[in-house]
Protein backbone atom coordinates (compact mmCIF):
# COMPACT_ATOMS: atom_id res chain seq x y z
CA MET A 1 64.97 169.76 27.34
CA LEU A 2 66.36 166.69 29.14
CA TYR A 3 66.32 164.49 26.06
CA ALA A 4 67.43 167.27 23.72
CA VAL A 5 70.57 167.83 25.82
CA GLN A 6 71.28 164.12 26.15
CA PHE A 7 70.94 163.55 22.40
CA LEU A 8 73.32 166.45 21.77
CA GLU A 9 75.83 165.15 24.33
CA GLU A 10 75.90 161.79 22.58
CA GLN A 11 76.83 163.31 19.23
CA VAL A 12 79.39 165.76 20.65
CA LEU A 13 81.15 162.86 22.38
CA ALA A 14 80.96 160.79 19.19
CA ALA A 15 82.70 163.65 17.33
CA GLY A 16 85.67 163.29 19.68
CA HIS A 17 85.08 166.36 21.84
CA ARG A 18 84.91 166.58 25.63
CA VAL A 19 81.79 167.59 27.55
CA LEU A 20 81.28 169.15 30.98
CA LEU A 21 77.62 169.04 32.04
CA VAL A 22 76.45 171.37 34.83
CA ALA A 23 72.91 170.73 36.08
CA PRO A 24 70.76 170.73 39.23
CA VAL A 25 70.50 167.64 41.39
CA ALA A 26 67.42 165.77 40.14
CA ASP A 27 66.12 162.30 39.40
CA GLY A 28 66.14 161.08 35.83
CA PRO A 29 67.99 158.96 33.25
CA ASN A 30 71.72 159.59 32.84
CA PRO A 31 72.85 157.40 29.92
CA HIS A 32 76.27 159.03 29.44
CA ALA A 33 77.46 158.80 33.05
CA GLY A 34 80.97 157.38 33.25
CA HIS A 35 82.00 158.28 29.68
CA PRO A 36 85.78 158.92 29.70
CA ARG A 37 85.48 162.31 27.93
CA ARG A 38 82.55 163.53 30.02
CA ARG A 39 82.46 165.23 33.42
CA GLU A 40 79.42 166.22 35.39
CA ILE A 41 78.73 168.81 38.10
CA ARG A 42 75.43 168.58 39.99
CA LEU A 43 74.44 171.57 42.09
CA PRO A 44 72.09 171.52 45.11
CA SER A 45 68.51 172.26 44.11
CA VAL A 46 65.13 172.74 45.74
CA PRO A 47 61.64 171.84 44.49
CA ILE A 48 59.30 174.75 43.83
CA PRO A 49 55.94 174.01 45.55
CA GLY A 50 53.01 173.57 43.20
CA THR A 51 55.20 172.90 40.16
CA GLN A 52 57.27 170.13 38.62
CA ILE A 53 60.35 172.38 38.72
CA ARG A 54 63.58 172.21 40.71
CA LEU A 55 65.80 175.29 40.92
CA SER A 56 69.37 175.66 42.09
CA MET A 57 69.43 178.82 44.18
CA GLY A 58 73.13 179.65 44.27
CA GLN A 59 74.66 177.30 46.83
CA ASP A 60 78.18 176.22 45.72
CA PHE A 61 78.11 178.70 42.80
CA ASP A 62 81.25 180.55 43.85
CA TYR A 63 83.30 177.38 44.22
CA ARG A 64 82.11 176.03 40.88
CA LEU A 65 82.62 179.40 39.18
CA ALA A 66 86.25 179.52 40.34
CA GLN A 67 86.73 175.90 39.25
CA MET A 68 85.49 176.55 35.69
CA VAL A 69 87.28 179.88 35.32
CA ALA A 70 90.55 178.16 36.27
CA ASN A 71 90.01 175.54 33.53
CA PRO A 72 87.57 177.14 31.08
CA PRO A 73 85.78 175.30 28.27
CA ASP A 74 86.25 176.40 24.66
CA VAL A 75 82.52 177.10 24.21
CA ILE A 76 79.78 177.57 26.83
CA HIS A 77 76.28 176.45 25.90
CA VAL A 78 73.48 177.57 28.22
CA HIS A 79 70.19 175.67 27.93
CA GLY A 80 67.45 177.85 29.36
CA LEU A 81 67.84 180.88 31.57
CA GLY A 82 67.53 179.39 35.04
CA PRO A 83 70.05 180.03 37.82
CA ILE A 84 72.53 177.45 36.47
CA GLY A 85 72.31 179.16 33.10
CA LEU A 86 73.48 182.29 34.90
CA LEU A 87 76.48 180.39 36.20
CA GLY A 88 77.42 179.58 32.59
CA MET A 89 77.03 183.24 31.66
CA TRP A 90 79.33 184.27 34.52
CA VAL A 91 81.96 181.82 33.28
CA ALA A 92 81.72 183.30 29.78
CA GLU A 93 81.94 186.85 31.17
CA ARG A 94 85.02 186.05 33.28
CA THR A 95 86.88 184.06 30.61
CA GLY A 96 85.82 185.75 27.36
CA ARG A 97 84.83 182.40 25.86
CA PRO A 98 82.01 182.21 23.26
CA LEU A 99 78.52 181.93 24.76
CA VAL A 100 75.61 180.12 23.10
CA ILE A 101 72.15 180.36 24.65
CA THR A 102 69.36 178.03 23.56
CA TRP A 103 65.90 179.45 24.25
CA HIS A 104 63.96 176.27 25.06
CA THR A 105 61.08 177.88 26.97
CA ASP A 106 58.71 180.67 25.99
CA PHE A 107 58.90 182.67 29.24
CA GLU A 108 56.01 184.89 28.19
CA ALA A 109 53.68 181.93 27.79
CA TYR A 110 54.90 180.09 30.89
CA ALA A 111 54.67 183.24 33.01
CA ASP A 112 50.91 182.85 33.17
CA TYR A 113 51.22 179.42 34.78
CA TYR A 114 54.45 179.74 36.78
CA TRP A 115 54.26 183.41 37.76
CA HIS A 116 55.20 182.51 41.36
CA VAL A 117 58.61 181.21 40.17
CA ALA A 118 59.48 184.53 38.51
CA PRO A 119 60.53 186.34 41.73
CA LEU A 120 62.99 183.53 42.48
CA LEU A 121 64.53 183.80 39.02
CA ASN A 122 64.57 187.58 39.27
CA ALA A 123 66.57 187.36 42.49
CA ALA A 124 69.23 185.25 40.81
CA TYR A 125 69.28 187.48 37.73
CA LYS A 126 69.81 190.60 39.82
CA VAL A 127 72.99 189.06 41.19
CA TYR A 128 74.19 188.71 37.58
CA GLU A 129 73.91 192.50 37.28
CA LEU A 130 75.85 193.20 40.51
CA HIS A 131 79.59 193.50 40.97
CA HIS A 132 81.05 190.51 42.77
CA ALA A 133 82.32 192.24 45.88
CA GLU A 134 80.68 189.51 47.90
CA SER A 135 80.08 185.89 47.11
CA THR A 136 77.11 184.96 44.93
CA TRP A 137 75.49 182.93 47.70
CA THR A 138 75.86 185.81 50.18
CA GLN A 139 74.27 188.28 47.76
CA LEU A 140 71.37 185.93 47.03
CA LYS A 141 70.63 185.53 50.73
CA LYS A 142 70.60 189.32 51.20
CA LEU A 143 68.03 189.93 48.47
CA LYS A 144 64.51 190.42 49.83
CA LEU A 145 61.85 188.71 47.75
CA LYS A 146 58.44 190.33 47.68
CA ARG A 147 55.21 189.43 45.98
CA PRO A 148 55.12 191.76 42.96
CA ARG A 149 52.13 193.54 41.44
CA ARG A 150 50.27 191.12 39.20
CA GLY A 151 52.29 190.88 35.99
CA GLY A 152 55.25 192.79 37.46
CA ALA A 153 57.45 189.73 37.95
CA GLN A 154 57.03 188.75 34.30
CA VAL A 155 57.88 192.24 33.06
CA GLU A 156 61.04 192.41 35.16
CA LEU A 157 62.05 188.89 34.16
CA LEU A 158 61.68 189.66 30.45
CA GLN A 159 63.74 192.83 30.79
CA LEU A 160 66.59 190.90 32.37
CA ALA A 161 66.30 188.08 29.82
CA ALA A 162 66.48 190.62 26.99
CA LYS A 163 69.87 191.85 28.17
CA MET A 164 71.26 188.33 28.40
CA LEU A 165 69.95 187.30 24.99
CA THR A 166 71.48 190.44 23.50
CA ASP A 167 74.86 189.80 25.15
CA ALA A 168 75.16 186.20 23.90
CA ASP A 169 77.44 185.44 20.95
CA LEU A 170 74.66 183.31 19.48
CA VAL A 171 71.08 182.45 20.45
CA THR A 172 69.68 179.23 19.04
CA THR A 173 66.02 178.27 19.03
CA PRO A 174 64.32 174.98 18.11
CA SER A 175 61.74 176.59 15.80
CA ASP A 176 60.90 179.72 13.83
CA LYS A 177 58.10 180.37 16.34
CA THR A 178 60.58 180.58 19.18
CA ALA A 179 63.07 182.64 17.18
CA LYS A 180 60.38 185.27 16.64
CA ARG A 181 59.70 185.30 20.40
CA VAL A 182 63.40 185.96 21.06
CA LEU A 183 63.46 188.88 18.61
CA GLU A 184 60.33 190.33 20.19
CA ILE A 185 62.17 190.40 23.53
CA ALA A 186 65.67 191.20 22.24
CA PRO A 187 65.50 192.72 18.72
CA THR A 188 69.30 192.81 18.25
CA ALA A 189 69.96 189.23 19.38
CA LYS A 190 71.95 187.05 16.97
CA VAL A 191 69.53 184.18 16.29
CA ARG A 192 69.97 180.85 14.51
CA VAL A 193 67.14 178.30 14.24
CA VAL A 194 68.43 174.79 15.00
CA PRO A 195 65.61 172.30 15.67
CA ASN A 196 66.27 169.53 18.15
CA GLY A 197 66.51 166.08 16.63
CA THR A 198 64.95 162.79 17.59
CA ASP A 199 64.89 159.33 16.07
CA ALA A 200 62.07 156.83 15.71
CA LEU A 201 61.33 154.83 18.84
CA PRO A 202 61.69 151.04 18.78
CA VAL A 203 58.78 149.40 16.95
CA MET A 204 56.61 147.42 19.37
CA PRO A 205 53.18 145.74 19.22
CA PRO A 206 50.50 148.34 19.97
CA VAL A 207 48.85 148.57 23.36
CA ALA A 208 45.39 146.99 23.24
CA LYS A 209 42.45 149.36 22.89
CA GLY A 210 38.66 149.18 22.91
CA ARG A 211 36.21 148.90 20.04
CA GLY A 212 36.46 152.54 18.98
CA PRO A 213 39.23 154.86 17.79
CA ARG A 214 41.90 156.20 20.14
CA LEU A 215 43.17 159.76 20.41
CA ILE A 216 46.49 159.96 22.21
CA TYR A 217 48.65 162.53 23.97
CA VAL A 218 52.16 161.81 25.28
CA GLY A 219 54.14 164.26 27.37
CA ARG A 220 54.27 166.27 30.53
CA ILE A 221 50.87 166.58 32.16
CA SER A 222 50.54 170.11 33.51
CA LEU A 223 48.25 173.11 33.17
CA GLU A 224 50.27 174.92 30.49
CA LYS A 225 50.04 171.87 28.19
CA GLY A 226 46.33 172.49 27.61
CA ILE A 227 45.20 169.31 29.36
CA GLY A 228 42.05 171.01 30.66
CA LEU A 229 41.14 172.16 27.16
CA MET A 230 41.77 168.65 25.84
CA LEU A 231 39.42 167.13 28.43
CA ASP A 232 36.70 169.71 27.69
CA ALA A 233 36.91 169.01 23.96
CA PHE A 234 36.96 165.24 24.39
CA GLU A 235 33.76 165.37 26.44
CA LEU A 236 32.08 166.82 23.33
CA VAL A 237 33.73 164.27 21.03
CA ARG A 238 32.21 161.39 23.03
CA ASP A 239 28.76 162.62 22.02
CA GLN A 240 29.70 162.29 18.33
CA VAL A 241 31.99 159.24 18.07
CA PRO A 242 30.91 155.91 19.63
CA ASN A 243 33.43 154.14 21.91
CA VAL A 244 36.14 156.76 21.36
CA GLU A 245 39.06 156.83 23.83
CA LEU A 246 41.50 159.51 24.89
CA MET A 247 44.80 158.15 26.22
CA ILE A 248 46.96 160.63 28.16
CA VAL A 249 50.43 159.19 28.72
CA GLY A 250 52.54 160.84 31.42
CA ASP A 251 53.01 161.31 35.14
CA TRP A 252 49.56 162.57 36.09
CA LYS A 253 50.05 161.78 39.80
CA GLU A 254 52.43 164.73 40.25
CA THR A 255 50.08 167.34 38.77
CA PRO A 256 48.36 170.09 40.80
CA VAL A 257 45.52 168.73 42.94
CA LYS A 258 42.67 170.28 40.95
CA LEU A 259 43.93 168.90 37.63
CA ARG A 260 44.74 165.52 39.17
CA ARG A 261 41.21 165.12 40.51
CA ARG A 262 39.76 166.08 37.18
CA LEU A 263 41.89 163.48 35.41
CA GLN A 264 40.83 160.81 37.89
CA ARG A 265 37.18 161.61 37.33
CA ALA A 266 37.64 161.57 33.54
CA ALA A 267 39.36 158.18 33.80
CA ARG A 268 36.53 156.79 35.90
CA PHE A 269 33.56 158.14 33.96
CA GLY A 270 34.74 159.81 30.77
CA GLY A 271 36.53 157.34 28.50
CA VAL A 272 40.00 158.66 29.39
CA LYS A 273 42.93 156.25 29.89
CA LEU A 274 45.81 157.17 32.22
CA PRO A 275 48.62 154.58 31.92
CA GLY A 276 51.01 156.86 33.87
CA GLN A 277 54.70 157.49 33.26
CA ILE A 278 56.11 155.08 30.65
CA PRO A 279 59.85 154.53 30.02
CA ARG A 280 60.83 156.15 26.74
CA GLU A 281 62.05 152.91 25.20
CA LYS A 282 58.53 151.46 25.59
CA LEU A 283 56.59 154.43 24.26
CA GLY A 284 56.53 153.02 20.73
CA ALA A 285 53.75 150.63 21.76
CA TYR A 286 51.58 153.54 22.89
CA TYR A 287 52.14 155.67 19.79
CA ALA A 288 51.36 152.62 17.66
CA SER A 289 47.99 152.23 19.38
CA GLY A 290 46.75 155.72 18.52
CA ASP A 291 44.70 156.85 15.54
CA ALA A 292 45.66 160.52 15.93
CA PHE A 293 47.86 162.61 18.23
CA VAL A 294 46.15 165.48 20.06
CA PHE A 295 48.24 168.49 21.08
CA ALA A 296 46.41 171.28 22.91
CA SER A 297 49.45 173.25 24.11
CA LEU A 298 50.27 176.80 23.03
CA THR A 299 53.41 177.11 25.15
CA ASP A 300 55.80 174.67 23.46
CA THR A 301 58.81 175.85 21.50
CA GLN A 302 59.18 172.67 19.40
CA ALA A 303 57.64 169.66 21.20
CA LEU A 304 59.75 166.58 20.51
CA VAL A 305 56.67 164.44 21.19
CA LEU A 306 55.32 165.71 17.86
CA HIS A 307 58.41 164.32 16.17
CA GLU A 308 58.07 160.99 18.00
CA ALA A 309 54.42 160.77 16.92
CA ALA A 310 55.37 161.68 13.34
CA HIS A 311 58.02 158.93 13.26
CA ALA A 312 55.20 156.56 14.27
CA GLY A 313 53.10 157.80 11.33
CA LEU A 314 50.41 159.54 13.39
CA PRO A 315 48.40 162.52 12.10
CA PHE A 316 47.81 165.54 14.34
CA VAL A 317 45.02 167.59 15.84
CA MET A 318 46.52 170.86 17.16
CA VAL A 319 45.71 174.36 18.38
CA ASP A 320 49.22 175.77 17.87
CA HIS A 321 49.41 177.05 14.29
CA GLU A 322 53.12 177.94 14.46
CA LEU A 323 54.78 174.56 15.13
CA ARG A 324 55.12 173.34 11.55
CA LEU A 325 58.31 171.23 11.42
CA VAL A 326 56.39 167.93 11.17
CA VAL A 327 52.92 169.37 10.58
CA ASP A 328 51.34 169.86 7.14
CA PRO A 329 47.77 171.16 7.61
CA GLY A 330 45.27 169.43 5.37
CA VAL A 331 47.65 166.54 4.70
CA ASN A 332 48.62 165.14 8.10
CA ALA A 333 46.97 167.63 10.45
CA VAL A 334 43.77 169.43 11.33
CA LEU A 335 44.24 172.76 13.12
CA ALA A 336 41.77 174.19 15.61
CA ARG A 337 41.29 177.37 17.60
CA PRO A 338 42.10 177.13 21.33
CA ASN A 339 38.55 176.53 22.53
CA ALA A 340 36.71 173.31 23.33
CA VAL A 341 34.17 173.46 20.49
CA SER A 342 36.77 174.10 17.79
CA LEU A 343 39.15 171.45 19.14
CA ALA A 344 36.35 168.89 19.44
CA GLY A 345 35.31 169.59 15.86
CA ALA A 346 38.91 169.08 14.70
CA MET A 347 39.13 165.76 16.57
CA VAL A 348 35.89 164.51 14.98
CA SER A 349 37.02 165.70 11.54
CA MET A 350 40.33 163.86 11.83
CA LEU A 351 38.76 160.62 13.05
CA SER A 352 36.26 160.79 10.20
CA ALA A 353 38.99 161.45 7.62
CA MET A 354 41.08 158.54 8.93
CA GLN A 355 38.30 156.14 7.88
CA ASP A 356 39.37 156.87 4.29
CA GLU A 357 42.26 154.46 3.67
CA GLU A 358 43.86 156.70 1.04
CA PHE A 359 43.86 159.74 3.36
CA ALA A 360 45.18 157.66 6.26
CA ALA A 361 48.06 156.29 4.17
CA THR A 362 48.96 159.73 2.80
CA ALA A 363 48.86 161.33 6.25
CA SER A 364 51.03 158.61 7.77
CA ALA A 365 53.60 158.81 4.96
CA ARG A 366 53.76 162.61 5.23
CA SER A 367 54.35 162.47 9.00
CA ARG A 368 57.22 159.99 8.58
CA GLU A 369 58.72 162.01 5.73
CA LEU A 370 58.81 165.24 7.74
CA ALA A 371 60.13 163.51 10.87
CA SER A 372 63.01 161.96 8.91
CA ARG A 373 64.46 165.44 8.21
CA PHE A 374 65.21 166.13 11.87
CA THR A 375 67.19 163.15 13.11
CA ILE A 376 69.52 163.30 16.10
CA ALA A 377 72.57 162.92 13.86
CA ASN A 378 71.53 165.71 11.46
CA GLN A 379 70.66 168.24 14.12
CA SER A 380 73.57 167.47 16.44
CA LYS A 381 76.04 167.78 13.55
CA GLU A 382 74.77 171.32 13.00
CA PHE A 383 75.50 172.15 16.64
CA VAL A 384 78.95 170.56 16.51
CA ASP A 385 79.73 172.71 13.44
CA ILE A 386 78.58 175.79 15.39
CA TYR A 387 80.77 174.89 18.37
CA GLU A 388 83.81 174.38 16.17
CA ALA A 389 83.23 177.68 14.32
CA LEU A 390 82.87 179.67 17.53
CA ALA A 391 85.92 178.03 19.10
CA ASP A 392 87.95 178.96 16.00
CA GLY A 393 86.65 182.53 15.96
CA ARG A 394 84.74 182.02 12.72
CA GLU A 395 81.40 183.72 11.95
CA VAL A 396 78.22 181.67 12.30
CA ALA A 397 75.42 182.25 9.79
CA LEU A 398 72.16 183.55 11.27
CA THR A 399 68.62 182.67 10.20
CA GLU A 400 67.05 185.28 7.94
CA GLY A 401 63.45 186.24 7.32
CA LEU A 402 62.27 186.13 10.93
CA ASP A 403 59.50 188.69 11.46
CA PRO A 404 58.33 189.07 15.08
CA ASP A 405 54.57 189.20 15.64
CA TYR A 406 54.21 192.28 17.80
CA GLY A 407 50.43 192.12 17.58
CA ARG A 408 49.99 188.91 19.57
CA ARG A 409 48.88 188.99 23.19
CA VAL A 410 51.79 188.46 25.57
CA PHE A 411 49.81 186.96 28.46
CA PRO A 412 46.79 185.41 26.71
CA ARG A 413 45.02 184.23 29.90
CA ARG A 414 45.95 186.96 32.34
CA ARG A 415 44.21 190.31 32.75
CA VAL A 416 46.72 192.75 34.20
CA THR A 417 45.04 195.68 35.95
CA ALA A 418 46.23 198.77 37.82
CA THR A 419 44.34 200.18 40.83
CA PHE A 420 46.20 203.49 41.06
CA GLU A 421 46.15 203.28 44.85
CA SER A 422 48.09 205.79 46.92
CA PRO A 423 48.94 205.90 50.65
CA ASP A 424 48.26 209.65 50.60
CA PRO A 425 44.68 210.35 51.89
CA SER A 426 44.48 213.47 49.73
CA ALA A 427 44.70 211.22 46.67
CA LEU A 428 41.51 209.34 47.61
CA GLU A 429 39.22 211.32 45.29
CA PRO A 430 41.25 210.67 42.10
CA VAL A 431 41.48 206.99 43.05
CA LEU A 432 37.71 206.72 43.32
CA ALA A 433 37.33 208.57 40.05
CA ALA A 434 39.69 206.12 38.33
CA ARG A 435 37.70 203.19 39.68
CA ALA A 436 34.37 204.71 38.72
CA SER A 437 35.57 205.16 35.14
CA ARG A 438 35.69 201.40 34.79
CA TRP A 439 31.91 201.20 35.36
CA TRP A 440 31.06 203.32 32.34
CA PRO A 441 28.51 203.22 30.75
CA TRP A 442 26.44 201.07 33.10
CA SER A 443 26.74 203.03 36.34
CA ARG A 444 27.56 206.56 35.24
CA PRO A 445 24.98 209.12 34.03
CA SER A 446 24.38 209.08 30.31
CA PRO A 447 25.39 212.39 28.67
CA ALA A 448 22.45 212.01 26.27
CA SER A 449 19.71 211.32 28.81
CA GLY A 450 21.05 213.17 31.79
CA ARG A 451 20.08 210.19 33.99
């Protein structure tokens, strides 16, 4: 999201418009700071323990809300539905200005990994529903957070998100996959698919590697990215391919303890390389050193790293069958099911295919061809056109032919159960009966045998 917003800012400024960026206080690159047509508001934020997330929890919201209402922008673009996104929605509500929401994150998928963040977001969202008799910060402090029933926080969060997506003048998504997710949550939302753009990284000499082939992953290293699945599969690949390497590029030192220890052990004994966090301008050397890019995530809504790898001419091994902007199965990609055996087989198949010079050349050319369609300039121009149309009161065309997949599992890793418990002692017998029904047929008498 960081780079997608920065790329968009650059093009909006280049088109002669002014930009006000509102974001949480956080470390990170800020290439447009000091631009004469750009202002920036940073709001106090707190880290969420056990995650790589910082959230702004409402401090200074009332002051900033009054400031923006007094001098409103022509169009408000909310990236994600965190607390600062709510601030943008309040500004739109108070001023009547057009509101664009970009759905960068699949909340349903992330809910399984960051379920403990959901109550915090729910608290902020509830304030959005309240009348502003008191200040936002005062209302937030009065709300009592409680640990919800397993799965309850996600359900409540999705209900609130559905209302906001429905209320927006336009919802944009970076892929068809994500657009379908939006329509599953908010069937009447006005949706337009606008992929994020990225350009090829600077060409650099490849990072040295060993005697065998190298599989590479670049990106955030966290549980929802399928890193554990990738490590499981690679352990099987090592039995089939001599001297093979898996390079995982990213900040592994800030991952949860269990994953971090597993990565350290894999680096010590398992043929895994962990170069750490690499500045973006130097990543070209790492992409150039890979033979194939491995992507084991099912939670991404576009994954700009796929576009960076495609610009570098890399083929793909993936478990997500819906991210197809730079992926052409059978030409520059091998798709797997999300289990270690299937993913390992796909890795071995790709490495074997890449030994054929004709296949390798075709795959590389196809990756570069697809990546060239989604440059920063092309994609940002589409957003600038949308901004100008909304500011002028003109209608924006929506994406057609999006059919939500209502049959997919919402929380693929989580088993949500109900215990039917009651504080009333007289309800004890039905509770026990409900529990006993789960043991059938192993611990209840068989109707046929009478035992």
